[in-house]
Amino acid sequence: MAFLAEHQDLSIVYTPMDPITFDGKKMTGHSKPCHAGWLAEKLFMSIFVHDPATVFHKRVIERAGGFNESIPVCVGHDFWLRVSAKFAFGLIDEPLALRRWSEQSLTRSNRLRARTIKAGMLERFYFEQGGADSLPRDKAMRRLAKVHYHVGKSLLGQFRCRKALRYFARAISFRRGYFKVYLYYVLALCGSIFR
Protein backbone atom coordinates (compact mmCIF):
# COMPACT_ATOMS: atom_id res chain seq x y z
CA MET A 1 0.00 0.00 0.00
CA ALA A 2 2.84 2.36 0.84
CA PHE A 3 4.49 1.60 -2.51
CA LEU A 4 1.31 2.50 -4.41
CA ALA A 5 0.90 5.66 -2.34
CA GLU A 6 4.45 6.69 -3.27
CA HIS A 7 4.03 5.77 -6.95
CA GLN A 8 0.85 7.55 -8.00
CA ASP A 9 1.47 6.69 -11.67
CA LEU A 10 1.04 2.96 -10.96
CA SER A 11 -2.15 1.00 -10.32
CA ILE A 12 -0.64 -2.36 -9.42
CA VAL A 13 2.33 -3.71 -7.46
CA TYR A 14 3.47 -7.27 -6.89
CA THR A 15 6.31 -9.19 -5.27
CA PRO A 16 8.03 -12.53 -5.85
CA MET A 17 6.82 -15.54 -3.89
CA ASP A 18 8.99 -18.02 -1.99
CA PRO A 19 8.13 -21.59 -2.97
CA ILE A 20 7.67 -24.05 -0.11
CA THR A 21 6.95 -27.78 0.07
CA PHE A 22 3.59 -29.08 1.24
CA ASP A 23 5.00 -29.40 4.77
CA GLY A 24 6.39 -25.84 4.78
CA LYS A 25 10.08 -26.29 3.87
CA LYS A 26 11.68 -23.71 1.57
CA MET A 27 12.45 -24.88 -1.97
CA THR A 28 14.98 -23.73 -4.55
CA GLY A 29 14.71 -23.73 -8.32
CA HIS A 30 10.96 -23.10 -8.56
CA SER A 31 11.00 -19.29 -8.85
CA LYS A 32 11.01 -17.15 -11.97
CA PRO A 33 12.57 -13.69 -12.30
CA CYS A 34 10.11 -10.85 -11.75
CA HIS A 35 10.00 -7.62 -13.76
CA ALA A 36 8.58 -4.12 -13.49
CA GLY A 37 6.93 -1.98 -16.15
CA TRP A 38 4.88 -3.00 -19.15
CA LEU A 39 4.87 -6.79 -18.97
CA ALA A 40 2.57 -8.08 -21.72
CA GLU A 41 5.39 -9.54 -23.80
CA LYS A 42 7.08 -11.23 -20.84
CA LEU A 43 3.80 -12.54 -19.40
CA PHE A 44 2.85 -13.96 -22.78
CA MET A 45 5.98 -16.10 -22.58
CA SER A 46 5.64 -17.17 -18.93
CA ILE A 47 3.59 -16.49 -15.82
CA PHE A 48 5.52 -14.97 -12.92
CA VAL A 49 2.86 -12.73 -11.32
CA HIS A 50 0.85 -14.60 -8.69
CA ASP A 51 -2.49 -13.58 -7.20
CA PRO A 52 -1.56 -13.63 -3.47
CA ALA A 53 1.48 -11.40 -4.04
CA THR A 54 -0.31 -8.46 -5.66
CA VAL A 55 -2.11 -5.31 -4.56
CA PHE A 56 -3.97 -3.17 -7.07
CA HIS A 57 -6.50 -0.38 -7.39
CA LYS A 58 -10.15 -1.13 -8.17
CA ARG A 59 -9.69 0.57 -11.55
CA VAL A 60 -7.61 -2.43 -12.69
CA ILE A 61 -10.66 -4.71 -12.58
CA GLU A 62 -12.91 -1.98 -13.94
CA ARG A 63 -10.73 -1.62 -17.07
CA ALA A 64 -9.36 -5.16 -17.55
CA GLY A 65 -12.33 -7.17 -16.30
CA GLY A 66 -12.28 -9.72 -13.51
CA PHE A 67 -11.06 -13.30 -13.29
CA ASN A 68 -12.47 -15.69 -15.90
CA GLU A 69 -13.99 -18.35 -13.67
CA SER A 70 -15.13 -20.45 -16.63
CA ILE A 71 -11.64 -21.90 -17.12
CA PRO A 72 -10.41 -24.44 -14.54
CA VAL A 73 -6.68 -23.50 -14.77
CA CYS A 74 -4.65 -20.52 -16.04
CA VAL A 75 -7.18 -18.13 -14.43
CA GLY A 76 -4.44 -15.91 -12.97
CA HIS A 77 -2.35 -15.99 -16.16
CA ASP A 78 -5.39 -14.97 -18.20
CA PHE A 79 -6.18 -12.10 -15.81
CA TRP A 80 -2.62 -10.73 -15.57
CA LEU A 81 -2.24 -10.83 -19.36
CA ARG A 82 -5.38 -8.72 -19.81
CA VAL A 83 -4.16 -6.35 -17.09
CA SER A 84 -0.70 -6.11 -18.70
CA ALA A 85 -2.23 -4.77 -21.92
CA LYS A 86 -3.63 -1.78 -20.00
CA PHE A 87 -1.36 -1.17 -16.98
CA ALA A 88 2.31 -1.04 -16.03
CA PHE A 89 3.34 -3.12 -12.99
CA GLY A 90 5.32 -1.96 -9.98
CA LEU A 91 7.65 -4.45 -8.31
CA ILE A 92 8.88 -4.79 -4.74
CA ASP A 93 11.77 -7.15 -5.40
CA GLU A 94 11.62 -9.20 -2.21
CA PRO A 95 9.38 -12.21 -1.53
CA LEU A 96 6.43 -11.14 0.62
CA ALA A 97 4.33 -14.28 0.13
CA LEU A 98 4.75 -18.04 0.20
CA ARG A 99 3.66 -20.41 -2.57
CA ARG A 100 2.97 -24.01 -1.61
CA TRP A 101 4.26 -26.35 -4.34
CA SER A 102 2.29 -29.53 -4.99
CA GLU A 103 2.33 -32.10 -7.79
CA GLN A 104 -1.39 -32.57 -7.08
CA SER A 105 -2.26 -28.98 -8.07
CA LEU A 106 -4.91 -28.54 -10.78
CA THR A 107 -2.23 -27.55 -13.29
CA ARG A 108 0.22 -30.37 -12.58
CA SER A 109 -2.28 -33.18 -12.03
CA ASN A 110 -3.50 -32.97 -15.64
CA ARG A 111 -0.80 -31.35 -17.77
CA LEU A 112 -2.56 -32.00 -21.08
CA ARG A 113 -5.70 -30.18 -19.93
CA ALA A 114 -3.56 -27.31 -18.58
CA ARG A 115 -1.63 -27.03 -21.87
CA THR A 116 -4.83 -27.13 -23.91
CA ILE A 117 -6.42 -24.37 -21.83
CA LYS A 118 -3.22 -22.30 -21.96
CA ALA A 119 -3.12 -22.58 -25.78
CA GLY A 120 -6.69 -21.28 -26.03
CA MET A 121 -6.12 -18.57 -23.44
CA LEU A 122 -2.97 -17.23 -25.17
CA GLU A 123 -4.68 -17.30 -28.55
CA ARG A 124 -7.72 -15.46 -27.17
CA PHE A 125 -5.52 -12.81 -25.55
CA TYR A 126 -3.54 -12.17 -28.71
CA PHE A 127 -6.43 -12.04 -31.16
CA GLU A 128 -9.33 -10.73 -29.04
CA GLN A 129 -8.08 -9.01 -25.87
CA GLY A 130 -5.42 -6.51 -26.90
CA GLY A 131 -2.41 -8.77 -27.30
CA ALA A 132 -1.86 -7.83 -30.94
CA ASP A 133 -1.44 -4.19 -29.85
CA SER A 134 0.96 -5.10 -27.03
CA LEU A 135 3.22 -7.77 -28.53
CA PRO A 136 5.62 -8.09 -31.47
CA ARG A 137 3.77 -10.29 -33.98
CA ASP A 138 6.72 -12.58 -34.78
CA LYS A 139 7.36 -13.38 -31.10
CA ALA A 140 3.67 -13.97 -30.43
CA MET A 141 3.32 -16.31 -33.42
CA ARG A 142 6.37 -18.30 -32.28
CA ARG A 143 4.90 -18.67 -28.79
CA LEU A 144 1.47 -19.69 -30.08
CA ALA A 145 3.03 -22.21 -32.45
CA LYS A 146 5.13 -23.73 -29.68
CA VAL A 147 2.22 -24.05 -27.23
CA HIS A 148 -0.06 -25.65 -29.85
CA TYR A 149 2.76 -27.99 -30.92
CA HIS A 150 3.20 -29.21 -27.32
CA VAL A 151 -0.54 -29.84 -26.98
CA GLY A 152 -0.46 -31.81 -30.25
CA LYS A 153 2.50 -33.87 -29.05
CA SER A 154 0.76 -34.70 -25.78
CA LEU A 155 -2.38 -35.74 -27.64
CA LEU A 156 -0.36 -37.85 -30.07
CA GLY A 157 1.29 -39.56 -27.10
CA GLN A 158 -2.21 -40.63 -26.03
CA PHE A 159 -3.01 -41.81 -29.60
CA ARG A 160 -5.64 -39.08 -29.98
CA CYS A 161 -4.48 -38.50 -33.54
CA ARG A 162 -7.41 -36.54 -34.99
CA LYS A 163 -7.34 -33.99 -32.19
CA ALA A 164 -3.52 -33.83 -32.38
CA LEU A 165 -3.83 -33.02 -36.10
CA ARG A 166 -5.88 -29.93 -35.30
CA TYR A 167 -3.24 -28.60 -32.90
CA PHE A 168 -0.36 -29.34 -35.28
CA ALA A 169 -2.26 -27.59 -38.10
CA ARG A 170 -2.81 -24.61 -35.82
CA ALA A 171 0.91 -24.53 -34.92
CA ILE A 172 1.80 -24.53 -38.63
CA SER A 173 -0.69 -21.73 -39.31
CA PHE A 174 1.10 -19.58 -36.73
CA ARG A 175 4.61 -20.40 -37.93
CA ARG A 176 5.08 -21.97 -41.35
CA GLY A 177 8.80 -22.46 -40.78
CA TYR A 178 8.36 -24.59 -37.64
CA PHE A 179 9.64 -27.65 -39.50
CA LYS A 180 9.59 -30.27 -36.75
CA VAL A 181 5.81 -29.82 -36.48
CA TYR A 182 5.42 -31.22 -40.01
CA LEU A 183 6.90 -34.58 -38.98
CA TYR A 184 4.43 -34.88 -36.11
CA TYR A 185 1.61 -33.71 -38.36
CA VAL A 186 2.37 -36.59 -40.77
CA LEU A 187 2.54 -39.07 -37.86
CA ALA A 188 -0.83 -37.87 -36.56
CA LEU A 189 -2.29 -37.99 -40.07
CA CYS A 190 -1.10 -41.59 -40.55
CA GLY A 191 -2.42 -42.51 -37.11
CA SER A 192 -5.83 -41.01 -37.85
CA ILE A 193 -6.04 -42.87 -41.19
CA PHE A 194 -4.93 -46.28 -39.96
CA ARG A 195 -6.67 -46.37 -36.57
C-alpha atoms as a PDB file:
ATOM      1  CA  MET A   1       0.000   0.000   0.000  1.00  0.00           C
ATOM      2  CA  ALA A   2       2.845   2.357   0.839  1.00  0.00           C
ATOM      3  CA  PHE A   3       4.487   1.596  -2.510  1.00  0.00           C
ATOM      4  CA  LEU A   4       1.314   2.505  -4.412  1.00  0.00           C
ATOM      5  CA  ALA A   5       0.895   5.656  -2.337  1.00  0.00           C
ATOM      6  CA  GLU A   6       4.452   6.692  -3.268  1.00  0.00           C
ATOM      7  CA  HIS A   7       4.032   5.770  -6.951  1.00  0.00           C
ATOM      8  CA  GLN A   8       0.852   7.554  -7.999  1.00  0.00           C
ATOM      9  CA  ASP A   9       1.473   6.693 -11.669  1.00  0.00           C
ATOM     10  CA  LEU A  10       1.045   2.958 -10.957  1.00  0.00           C
ATOM     11  CA  SER A  11      -2.148   1.001 -10.318  1.00  0.00           C
ATOM     12  CA  ILE A  12      -0.640  -2.363  -9.415  1.00  0.00           C
ATOM     13  CA  VAL A  13       2.331  -3.705  -7.463  1.00  0.00           C
ATOM     14  CA  TYR A  14       3.471  -7.270  -6.886  1.00  0.00           C
ATOM     15  CA  THR A  15       6.311  -9.193  -5.272  1.00  0.00           C
ATOM     16  CA  PRO A  16       8.034 -12.533  -5.846  1.00  0.00           C
ATOM     17  CA  MET A  17       6.823 -15.542  -3.889  1.00  0.00           C
ATOM     18  CA  ASP A  18       8.992 -18.024  -1.988  1.00  0.00           C
ATOM     19  CA  PRO A  19       8.126 -21.594  -2.973  1.00  0.00           C
ATOM     20  CA  ILE A  20       7.672 -24.049  -0.111  1.00  0.00           C
ATOM     21  CA  THR A  21       6.953 -27.779   0.072  1.00  0.00           C
ATOM     22  CA  PHE A  22       3.595 -29.081   1.236  1.00  0.00           C
ATOM     23  CA  ASP A  23       4.998 -29.401   4.773  1.00  0.00           C
ATOM     24  CA  GLY A  24       6.386 -25.835   4.783  1.00  0.00           C
ATOM     25  CA  LYS A  25      10.084 -26.286   3.874  1.00  0.00           C
ATOM     26  CA  LYS A  26      11.679 -23.712   1.566  1.00  0.00           C
ATOM     27  CA  MET A  27      12.450 -24.883  -1.974  1.00  0.00           C
ATOM     28  CA  THR A  28      14.976 -23.731  -4.547  1.00  0.00           C
ATOM     29  CA  GLY A  29      14.711 -23.729  -8.321  1.00  0.00           C
ATOM     30  CA  HIS A  30      10.962 -23.100  -8.562  1.00  0.00           C
ATOM     31  CA  SER A  31      11.002 -19.286  -8.850  1.00  0.00           C
ATOM     32  CA  LYS A  32      11.010 -17.153 -11.969  1.00  0.00           C
ATOM     33  CA  PRO A  33      12.571 -13.692 -12.299  1.00  0.00           C
ATOM     34  CA  CYS A  34      10.111 -10.846 -11.751  1.00  0.00           C
ATOM     35  CA  HIS A  35      10.004  -7.625 -13.760  1.00  0.00           C
ATOM     36  CA  ALA A  36       8.583  -4.120 -13.487  1.00  0.00           C
ATOM     37  CA  GLY A  37       6.928  -1.976 -16.148  1.00  0.00           C
ATOM     38  CA  TRP A  38       4.875  -2.998 -19.153  1.00  0.00           C
ATOM     39  CA  LEU A  39       4.874  -6.787 -18.971  1.00  0.00           C
ATOM     40  CA  ALA A  40       2.566  -8.076 -21.723  1.00  0.00           C
ATOM     41  CA  GLU A  41       5.387  -9.541 -23.803  1.00  0.00           C
ATOM     42  CA  LYS A  42       7.080 -11.229 -20.838  1.00  0.00           C
ATOM     43  CA  LEU A  43       3.798 -12.542 -19.396  1.00  0.00           C
ATOM     44  CA  PHE A  44       2.845 -13.957 -22.784  1.00  0.00           C
ATOM     45  CA  MET A  45       5.975 -16.097 -22.584  1.00  0.00           C
ATOM     46  CA  SER A  46       5.644 -17.174 -18.929  1.00  0.00           C
ATOM     47  CA  ILE A  47       3.593 -16.487 -15.817  1.00  0.00           C
ATOM     48  CA  PHE A  48       5.521 -14.967 -12.921  1.00  0.00           C
ATOM     49  CA  VAL A  49       2.863 -12.729 -11.320  1.00  0.00           C
ATOM     50  CA  HIS A  50       0.847 -14.600  -8.687  1.00  0.00           C
ATOM     51  CA  ASP A  51      -2.486 -13.579  -7.197  1.00  0.00           C
ATOM     52  CA  PRO A  52      -1.556 -13.632  -3.466  1.00  0.00           C
ATOM     53  CA  ALA A  53       1.481 -11.398  -4.042  1.00  0.00           C
ATOM     54  CA  THR A  54      -0.315  -8.457  -5.661  1.00  0.00           C
ATOM     55  CA  VAL A  55      -2.106  -5.310  -4.564  1.00  0.00           C
ATOM     56  CA  PHE A  56      -3.966  -3.166  -7.068  1.00  0.00           C
ATOM     57  CA  HIS A  57      -6.504  -0.379  -7.385  1.00  0.00           C
ATOM     58  CA  LYS A  58     -10.149  -1.125  -8.172  1.00  0.00           C
ATOM     59  CA  ARG A  59      -9.686   0.571 -11.554  1.00  0.00           C
ATOM     60  CA  VAL A  60      -7.609  -2.432 -12.693  1.00  0.00           C
ATOM     61  CA  ILE A  61     -10.659  -4.715 -12.576  1.00  0.00           C
ATOM     62  CA  GLU A  62     -12.913  -1.984 -13.943  1.00  0.00           C
ATOM     63  CA  ARG A  63     -10.731  -1.620 -17.066  1.00  0.00           C
ATOM     64  CA  ALA A  64      -9.360  -5.157 -17.551  1.00  0.00           C
ATOM     65  CA  GLY A  65     -12.326  -7.171 -16.302  1.00  0.00           C
ATOM     66  CA  GLY A  66     -12.278  -9.718 -13.506  1.00  0.00           C
ATOM     67  CA  PHE A  67     -11.065 -13.299 -13.288  1.00  0.00           C
ATOM     68  CA  ASN A  68     -12.467 -15.690 -15.900  1.00  0.00           C
ATOM     69  CA  GLU A  69     -13.989 -18.348 -13.665  1.00  0.00           C
ATOM     70  CA  SER A  70     -15.134 -20.448 -16.634  1.00  0.00           C
ATOM     71  CA  ILE A  71     -11.637 -21.895 -17.125  1.00  0.00           C
ATOM     72  CA  PRO A  72     -10.405 -24.441 -14.539  1.00  0.00           C
ATOM     73  CA  VAL A  73      -6.684 -23.497 -14.775  1.00  0.00           C
ATOM     74  CA  CYS A  74      -4.655 -20.515 -16.036  1.00  0.00           C
ATOM     75  CA  VAL A  75      -7.175 -18.127 -14.432  1.00  0.00           C
ATOM     76  CA  GLY A  76      -4.442 -15.913 -12.973  1.00  0.00           C
ATOM     77  CA  HIS A  77      -2.355 -15.993 -16.156  1.00  0.00           C
ATOM     78  CA  ASP A  78      -5.392 -14.970 -18.203  1.00  0.00           C
ATOM     79  CA  PHE A  79      -6.180 -12.096 -15.812  1.00  0.00           C
ATOM     80  CA  TRP A  80      -2.625 -10.733 -15.570  1.00  0.00           C
ATOM     81  CA  LEU A  81      -2.242 -10.825 -19.355  1.00  0.00           C
ATOM     82  CA  ARG A  82      -5.379  -8.723 -19.812  1.00  0.00           C
ATOM     83  CA  VAL A  83      -4.160  -6.354 -17.092  1.00  0.00           C
ATOM     84  CA  SER A  84      -0.704  -6.106 -18.696  1.00  0.00           C
ATOM     85  CA  ALA A  85      -2.230  -4.774 -21.925  1.00  0.00           C
ATOM     86  CA  LYS A  86      -3.633  -1.785 -19.995  1.00  0.00           C
ATOM     87  CA  PHE A  87      -1.360  -1.166 -16.976  1.00  0.00           C
ATOM     88  CA  ALA A  88       2.306  -1.043 -16.032  1.00  0.00           C
ATOM     89  CA  PHE A  89       3.341  -3.120 -12.990  1.00  0.00           C
ATOM     90  CA  GLY A  90       5.321  -1.957  -9.980  1.00  0.00           C
ATOM     91  CA  LEU A  91       7.650  -4.454  -8.315  1.00  0.00           C
ATOM     92  CA  ILE A  92       8.881  -4.786  -4.743  1.00  0.00           C
ATOM     93  CA  ASP A  93      11.766  -7.152  -5.397  1.00  0.00           C
ATOM     94  CA  GLU A  94      11.618  -9.199  -2.211  1.00  0.00           C
ATOM     95  CA  PRO A  95       9.384 -12.210  -1.532  1.00  0.00           C
ATOM     96  CA  LEU A  96       6.433 -11.142   0.621  1.00  0.00           C
ATOM     97  CA  ALA A  97       4.328 -14.276   0.130  1.00  0.00           C
ATOM     98  CA  LEU A  98       4.750 -18.041   0.196  1.00  0.00           C
ATOM     99  CA  ARG A  99       3.656 -20.409  -2.574  1.00  0.00           C
ATOM    100  CA  ARG A 100       2.970 -24.005  -1.609  1.00  0.00           C
ATOM    101  CA  TRP A 101       4.256 -26.352  -4.343  1.00  0.00           C
ATOM    102  CA  SER A 102       2.295 -29.532  -4.989  1.00  0.00           C
ATOM    103  CA  GLU A 103       2.334 -32.102  -7.787  1.00  0.00           C
ATOM    104  CA  GLN A 104      -1.386 -32.566  -7.077  1.00  0.00           C
ATOM    105  CA  SER A 105      -2.264 -28.983  -8.070  1.00  0.00           C
ATOM    106  CA  LEU A 106      -4.906 -28.537 -10.776  1.00  0.00           C
ATOM    107  CA  THR A 107      -2.231 -27.549 -13.294  1.00  0.00           C
ATOM    108  CA  ARG A 108       0.215 -30.367 -12.581  1.00  0.00           C
ATOM    109  CA  SER A 109      -2.278 -33.177 -12.029  1.00  0.00           C
ATOM    110  CA  ASN A 110      -3.504 -32.965 -15.643  1.00  0.00           C
ATOM    111  CA  ARG A 111      -0.803 -31.354 -17.770  1.00  0.00           C
ATOM    112  CA  LEU A 112      -2.564 -32.004 -21.076  1.00  0.00           C
ATOM    113  CA  ARG A 113      -5.697 -30.182 -19.925  1.00  0.00           C
ATOM    114  CA  ALA A 114      -3.565 -27.311 -18.584  1.00  0.00           C
ATOM    115  CA  ARG A 115      -1.628 -27.025 -21.867  1.00  0.00           C
ATOM    116  CA  THR A 116      -4.833 -27.127 -23.911  1.00  0.00           C
ATOM    117  CA  ILE A 117      -6.420 -24.368 -21.826  1.00  0.00           C
ATOM    118  CA  LYS A 118      -3.216 -22.304 -21.959  1.00  0.00           C
ATOM    119  CA  ALA A 119      -3.121 -22.580 -25.776  1.00  0.00           C
ATOM    120  CA  GLY A 120      -6.694 -21.284 -26.030  1.00  0.00           C
ATOM    121  CA  MET A 121      -6.119 -18.573 -23.441  1.00  0.00           C
ATOM    122  CA  LEU A 122      -2.973 -17.227 -25.169  1.00  0.00           C
ATOM    123  CA  GLU A 123      -4.677 -17.298 -28.551  1.00  0.00           C
ATOM    124  CA  ARG A 124      -7.724 -15.455 -27.174  1.00  0.00           C
ATOM    125  CA  PHE A 125      -5.518 -12.811 -25.547  1.00  0.00           C
ATOM    126  CA  TYR A 126      -3.535 -12.174 -28.711  1.00  0.00           C
ATOM    127  CA  PHE A 127      -6.433 -12.037 -31.164  1.00  0.00           C
ATOM    128  CA  GLU A 128      -9.329 -10.734 -29.038  1.00  0.00           C
ATOM    129  CA  GLN A 129      -8.080  -9.014 -25.872  1.00  0.00           C
ATOM    130  CA  GLY A 130      -5.422  -6.507 -26.896  1.00  0.00           C
ATOM    131  CA  GLY A 131      -2.411  -8.770 -27.299  1.00  0.00           C
ATOM    132  CA  ALA A 132      -1.865  -7.830 -30.940  1.00  0.00           C
ATOM    133  CA  ASP A 133      -1.444  -4.187 -29.849  1.00  0.00           C
ATOM    134  CA  SER A 134       0.956  -5.102 -27.028  1.00  0.00           C
ATOM    135  CA  LEU A 135       3.225  -7.772 -28.532  1.00  0.00           C
ATOM    136  CA  PRO A 136       5.618  -8.094 -31.473  1.00  0.00           C
ATOM    137  CA  ARG A 137       3.774 -10.290 -33.981  1.00  0.00           C
ATOM    138  CA  ASP A 138       6.716 -12.578 -34.776  1.00  0.00           C
ATOM    139  CA  LYS A 139       7.358 -13.380 -31.104  1.00  0.00           C
ATOM    140  CA  ALA A 140       3.668 -13.969 -30.434  1.00  0.00           C
ATOM    141  CA  MET A 141       3.321 -16.307 -33.424  1.00  0.00           C
ATOM    142  CA  ARG A 142       6.367 -18.302 -32.280  1.00  0.00           C
ATOM    143  CA  ARG A 143       4.899 -18.668 -28.794  1.00  0.00           C
ATOM    144  CA  LEU A 144       1.467 -19.688 -30.082  1.00  0.00           C
ATOM    145  CA  ALA A 145       3.027 -22.214 -32.455  1.00  0.00           C
ATOM    146  CA  LYS A 146       5.127 -23.727 -29.676  1.00  0.00           C
ATOM    147  CA  VAL A 147       2.223 -24.047 -27.233  1.00  0.00           C
ATOM    148  CA  HIS A 148      -0.058 -25.650 -29.849  1.00  0.00           C
ATOM    149  CA  TYR A 149       2.761 -27.987 -30.920  1.00  0.00           C
ATOM    150  CA  HIS A 150       3.199 -29.208 -27.319  1.00  0.00           C
ATOM    151  CA  VAL A 151      -0.543 -29.844 -26.984  1.00  0.00           C
ATOM    152  CA  GLY A 152      -0.465 -31.807 -30.247  1.00  0.00           C
ATOM    153  CA  LYS A 153       2.501 -33.866 -29.053  1.00  0.00           C
ATOM    154  CA  SER A 154       0.762 -34.697 -25.779  1.00  0.00           C
ATOM    155  CA  LEU A 155      -2.382 -35.737 -27.642  1.00  0.00           C
ATOM    156  CA  LEU A 156      -0.362 -37.852 -30.070  1.00  0.00           C
ATOM    157  CA  GLY A 157       1.295 -39.559 -27.096  1.00  0.00           C
ATOM    158  CA  GLN A 158      -2.206 -40.626 -26.032  1.00  0.00           C
ATOM    159  CA  PHE A 159      -3.009 -41.809 -29.602  1.00  0.00           C
ATOM    160  CA  ARG A 160      -5.645 -39.083 -29.980  1.00  0.00           C
ATOM    161  CA  CYS A 161      -4.484 -38.496 -33.535  1.00  0.00           C
ATOM    162  CA  ARG A 162      -7.406 -36.541 -34.987  1.00  0.00           C
ATOM    163  CA  LYS A 163      -7.336 -33.987 -32.187  1.00  0.00           C
ATOM    164  CA  ALA A 164      -3.518 -33.826 -32.375  1.00  0.00           C
ATOM    165  CA  LEU A 165      -3.828 -33.017 -36.096  1.00  0.00           C
ATOM    166  CA  ARG A 166      -5.878 -29.927 -35.304  1.00  0.00           C
ATOM    167  CA  TYR A 167      -3.239 -28.603 -32.896  1.00  0.00           C
ATOM    168  CA  PHE A 168      -0.358 -29.340 -35.282  1.00  0.00           C
ATOM    169  CA  ALA A 169      -2.257 -27.593 -38.095  1.00  0.00           C
ATOM    170  CA  ARG A 170      -2.809 -24.605 -35.821  1.00  0.00           C
ATOM    171  CA  ALA A 171       0.913 -24.527 -34.924  1.00  0.00           C
ATOM    172  CA  ILE A 172       1.803 -24.534 -38.635  1.00  0.00           C
ATOM    173  CA  SER A 173      -0.685 -21.725 -39.312  1.00  0.00           C
ATOM    174  CA  PHE A 174       1.098 -19.577 -36.729  1.00  0.00           C
ATOM    175  CA  ARG A 175       4.607 -20.404 -37.929  1.00  0.00           C
ATOM    176  CA  ARG A 176       5.077 -21.971 -41.348  1.00  0.00           C
ATOM    177  CA  GLY A 177       8.803 -22.463 -40.780  1.00  0.00           C
ATOM    178  CA  TYR A 178       8.360 -24.591 -37.643  1.00  0.00           C
ATOM    179  CA  PHE A 179       9.640 -27.654 -39.501  1.00  0.00           C
ATOM    180  CA  LYS A 180       9.588 -30.272 -36.753  1.00  0.00           C
ATOM    181  CA  VAL A 181       5.808 -29.817 -36.480  1.00  0.00           C
ATOM    182  CA  TYR A 182       5.417 -31.217 -40.015  1.00  0.00           C
ATOM    183  CA  LEU A 183       6.896 -34.576 -38.980  1.00  0.00           C
ATOM    184  CA  TYR A 184       4.425 -34.876 -36.106  1.00  0.00           C
ATOM    185  CA  TYR A 185       1.607 -33.715 -38.364  1.00  0.00           C
ATOM    186  CA  VAL A 186       2.373 -36.586 -40.768  1.00  0.00           C
ATOM    187  CA  LEU A 187       2.543 -39.069 -37.862  1.00  0.00           C
ATOM    188  CA  ALA A 188      -0.826 -37.866 -36.557  1.00  0.00           C
ATOM    189  CA  LEU A 189      -2.287 -37.993 -40.073  1.00  0.00           C
ATOM    190  CA  CYS A 190      -1.099 -41.593 -40.550  1.00  0.00           C
ATOM    191  CA  GLY A 191      -2.416 -42.512 -37.114  1.00  0.00           C
ATOM    192  CA  SER A 192      -5.829 -41.011 -37.852  1.00  0.00           C
ATOM    193  CA  ILE A 193      -6.042 -42.870 -41.195  1.00  0.00           C
ATOM    194  CA  PHE A 194      -4.934 -46.279 -39.964  1.00  0.00           C
ATOM    195  CA  ARG A 195      -6.670 -46.371 -36.568  1.00  0.00           C
END
